[in-house]
Amino acid sequence: MNQTRKIAIALGANIGDKLANLRLATERLGEDVLSDLKASHIYETPPWGFTEQPHFYNAVVIGVTEWKPPAILNYLKSLEQELKRVVTVVNGPRTIDLDLLVYGDETWETEGVIVPHPRLAERDFVLVPLVEIWPDWIHPRLKSSAQTLLLNLQQTQRVHATKIEPLLLDTKTPSQE
């Protein structure tokens, strides 16, 4: 018997057709990996790490899956290749970036997978869209909600996320319901 988990996946892009790549990746995730998919708005954010590159479009999707983290990670890397991601510089420009952020209330550290994402609490470009659609998720190690993690981050740094538009154009986002 398979068990389902609610998960969160971050999406980002800063070269090529950013909107199309984010939407195509979301569509594929909804077809192949996630049921009950919900998506945040798209946020424009400055680059993190390597700063000499265009701004990013970022979003988060959540949904339910029976897949385990190693299988999800393999799928995400395969989808990135399909969408022509080429790594030239660490944290550099990309057509698409897909990261498994959250696997229910579980931690996972095996087979090259660390969940929750180890830098989730440090990144406004992940927390802002996550809080939009799953504010009460509790980080299993830090014992804080996504909302609290974002508030803590805002106390130490300026948040640079500008809401652009809904990731999914044909469905309502939580703020529209």
Protein backbone atom coordinates (compact mmCIF):
# COMPACT_ATOMS: atom_id res chain seq x y z
CA MET A 1 0.00 0.00 0.00
CA ASN A 2 1.41 3.37 -1.01
CA GLN A 3 1.27 6.37 1.26
CA THR A 4 0.78 9.86 -0.06
CA ARG A 5 2.60 12.95 1.10
CA LYS A 6 1.93 16.62 0.51
CA ILE A 7 5.06 18.10 -1.05
CA ALA A 8 6.35 21.45 -2.25
CA ILE A 9 8.54 22.07 -5.29
CA ALA A 10 10.27 25.36 -6.12
CA LEU A 11 10.50 26.54 -9.72
CA GLY A 12 12.80 29.23 -11.04
CA ALA A 13 13.99 30.55 -14.42
CA ASN A 14 15.91 33.60 -15.61
CA ILE A 15 16.77 32.97 -19.27
CA GLY A 16 14.77 31.92 -22.30
CA ASP A 17 10.99 32.06 -22.16
CA LYS A 18 10.75 32.13 -18.37
CA LEU A 19 6.95 32.12 -18.14
CA ALA A 20 6.55 29.33 -20.67
CA ASN A 21 9.18 27.17 -18.96
CA LEU A 22 7.63 27.64 -15.51
CA ARG A 23 4.17 26.84 -16.85
CA LEU A 24 5.33 23.81 -18.85
CA ALA A 25 7.18 22.41 -15.84
CA THR A 26 4.07 22.96 -13.68
CA GLU A 27 1.86 21.25 -16.25
CA ARG A 28 4.18 18.24 -16.40
CA LEU A 29 4.39 18.01 -12.60
CA GLY A 30 0.59 17.99 -12.46
CA GLU A 31 0.39 15.27 -15.11
CA ASP A 32 3.16 13.00 -13.81
CA VAL A 33 3.89 13.55 -10.11
CA LEU A 34 1.32 15.65 -8.26
CA SER A 35 -2.39 15.46 -7.69
CA ASP A 36 -4.39 18.31 -6.14
CA LEU A 37 -1.79 20.73 -7.51
CA LYS A 38 -1.86 24.32 -6.27
CA ALA A 39 0.50 27.03 -7.42
CA SER A 40 1.67 30.35 -6.06
CA HIS A 41 1.96 33.53 -8.05
CA ILE A 42 5.16 34.06 -9.99
CA TYR A 43 7.57 36.40 -8.21
CA GLU A 44 10.43 38.33 -9.75
CA THR A 45 13.53 38.19 -7.57
CA PRO A 46 17.16 39.24 -7.88
CA PRO A 47 19.74 36.49 -8.43
CA TRP A 48 21.14 34.72 -5.39
CA GLY A 49 24.80 33.74 -5.16
CA PHE A 50 26.11 34.68 -8.59
CA THR A 51 24.60 38.16 -9.02
CA GLU A 52 25.82 39.11 -12.53
CA GLN A 53 22.79 37.67 -14.32
CA PRO A 54 19.14 38.53 -15.09
CA HIS A 55 16.48 38.51 -12.38
CA PHE A 56 14.58 35.28 -11.80
CA TYR A 57 10.94 34.35 -11.99
CA ASN A 58 10.17 32.03 -9.05
CA ALA A 59 7.13 30.11 -7.88
CA VAL A 60 6.19 27.16 -5.69
CA VAL A 61 3.76 24.35 -6.38
CA ILE A 62 2.31 21.98 -3.83
CA GLY A 63 0.43 18.76 -4.28
CA VAL A 64 0.03 15.19 -3.16
CA THR A 65 2.19 12.33 -4.38
CA GLU A 66 3.00 8.68 -3.71
CA TRP A 67 6.53 9.17 -5.06
CA LYS A 68 9.52 9.03 -2.71
CA PRO A 69 12.11 11.85 -2.64
CA PRO A 70 14.82 10.07 -4.70
CA ALA A 71 12.31 9.36 -7.50
CA ILE A 72 11.02 12.95 -7.35
CA LEU A 73 14.56 14.33 -7.56
CA ASN A 74 15.37 12.11 -10.57
CA TYR A 75 12.19 13.28 -12.28
CA LEU A 76 13.00 16.95 -11.59
CA LYS A 77 16.53 16.61 -13.01
CA SER A 78 15.17 14.84 -16.09
CA LEU A 79 12.57 17.58 -16.62
CA GLU A 80 15.29 20.24 -16.28
CA GLN A 81 17.29 18.52 -19.03
CA GLU A 82 14.20 18.30 -21.22
CA LEU A 83 13.70 22.05 -20.77
CA LYS A 84 17.31 22.67 -21.88
CA ARG A 85 18.89 23.54 -18.53
CA VAL A 86 22.67 23.79 -18.90
CA VAL A 87 24.84 24.36 -15.83
CA THR A 88 27.67 26.75 -16.68
CA VAL A 89 28.17 28.50 -13.32
CA VAL A 90 27.02 27.44 -9.84
CA ASN A 91 23.84 29.44 -9.09
CA GLY A 92 24.12 30.82 -12.63
CA PRO A 93 21.56 31.53 -15.35
CA ARG A 94 19.11 28.78 -16.22
CA THR A 95 16.08 28.06 -18.32
CA ILE A 96 14.55 26.16 -15.39
CA ASP A 97 15.46 25.15 -11.86
CA LEU A 98 13.35 22.64 -9.95
CA ASP A 99 13.96 21.83 -6.29
CA LEU A 100 12.13 19.53 -3.91
CA LEU A 101 11.54 21.74 -0.87
CA VAL A 102 9.22 19.80 1.40
CA TYR A 103 8.14 16.18 1.80
CA GLY A 104 5.21 16.38 4.20
CA ASP A 105 6.40 16.67 7.76
CA GLU A 106 9.32 14.32 7.15
CA THR A 107 13.04 14.76 6.90
CA TRP A 108 14.99 12.80 4.30
CA GLU A 109 18.76 12.52 4.06
CA THR A 110 19.75 9.68 1.78
CA GLU A 111 20.53 8.87 -1.84
CA GLY A 112 21.70 12.43 -2.55
CA VAL A 113 18.44 13.96 -1.32
CA ILE A 114 18.06 16.33 1.62
CA VAL A 115 14.53 17.36 2.52
CA PRO A 116 13.46 19.87 3.68
CA HIS A 117 15.74 21.78 1.36
CA PRO A 118 18.76 22.75 3.50
CA ARG A 119 18.65 26.46 2.59
CA LEU A 120 14.88 26.90 2.51
CA ALA A 121 14.82 29.15 5.60
CA GLU A 122 17.45 31.49 4.05
CA ARG A 123 15.78 32.19 0.72
CA ASP A 124 13.03 34.73 0.26
CA PHE A 125 12.48 33.60 -3.33
CA VAL A 126 11.29 30.26 -1.93
CA LEU A 127 9.60 31.34 1.29
CA VAL A 128 7.43 34.10 -0.19
CA PRO A 129 5.63 31.82 -2.69
CA LEU A 130 5.56 28.91 -0.20
CA VAL A 131 3.88 31.10 2.43
CA GLU A 132 1.33 32.21 -0.16
CA ILE A 133 0.02 28.67 -0.64
CA TRP A 134 1.13 26.72 2.49
CA PRO A 135 1.81 29.18 5.33
CA ASP A 136 1.16 26.70 8.14
CA TRP A 137 3.64 24.03 6.97
CA ILE A 138 5.91 23.25 9.93
CA HIS A 139 9.63 22.74 9.28
CA PRO A 140 10.36 19.38 10.98
CA ARG A 141 13.85 20.40 12.13
CA LEU A 142 13.33 24.07 12.97
CA LYS A 143 9.83 23.55 14.42
CA SER A 144 8.61 26.79 12.82
CA SER A 145 5.90 27.43 10.28
CA ALA A 146 6.73 28.69 6.80
CA GLN A 147 5.09 31.98 7.84
CA THR A 148 7.38 32.28 10.89
CA LEU A 149 10.46 31.40 8.85
CA LEU A 150 9.62 34.22 6.44
CA LEU A 151 9.00 36.69 9.28
CA ASN A 152 12.36 35.72 10.82
CA LEU A 153 14.09 36.22 7.47
CA GLN A 154 12.45 39.63 7.07
CA GLN A 155 13.97 40.69 10.40
CA THR A 156 17.51 40.01 9.13
CA GLN A 157 17.30 41.01 5.47
CA ARG A 158 15.14 42.84 2.99
CA VAL A 159 12.82 40.59 1.01
CA HIS A 160 13.08 41.27 -2.73
CA ALA A 161 10.12 39.40 -4.21
CA THR A 162 7.75 41.25 -6.53
CA LYS A 163 4.48 39.50 -7.41
CA ILE A 164 4.07 39.21 -11.20
CA GLU A 165 1.03 37.05 -12.00
CA PRO A 166 -0.52 33.68 -11.15
CA LEU A 167 1.50 30.70 -12.30
CA LEU A 168 -1.68 28.87 -13.30
CA LEU A 169 -3.88 31.13 -15.37
CA ASP A 170 -6.95 28.89 -15.54
CA THR A 171 -7.39 28.24 -11.81
CA LYS A 172 -7.86 30.35 -8.72
CA THR A 173 -4.99 30.91 -6.33
CA PRO A 174 -5.70 30.71 -2.59
CA SER A 175 -5.85 34.51 -2.36
CA GLN A 176 -8.69 34.56 -4.93
CA GLU A 177 -10.85 32.00 -3.15
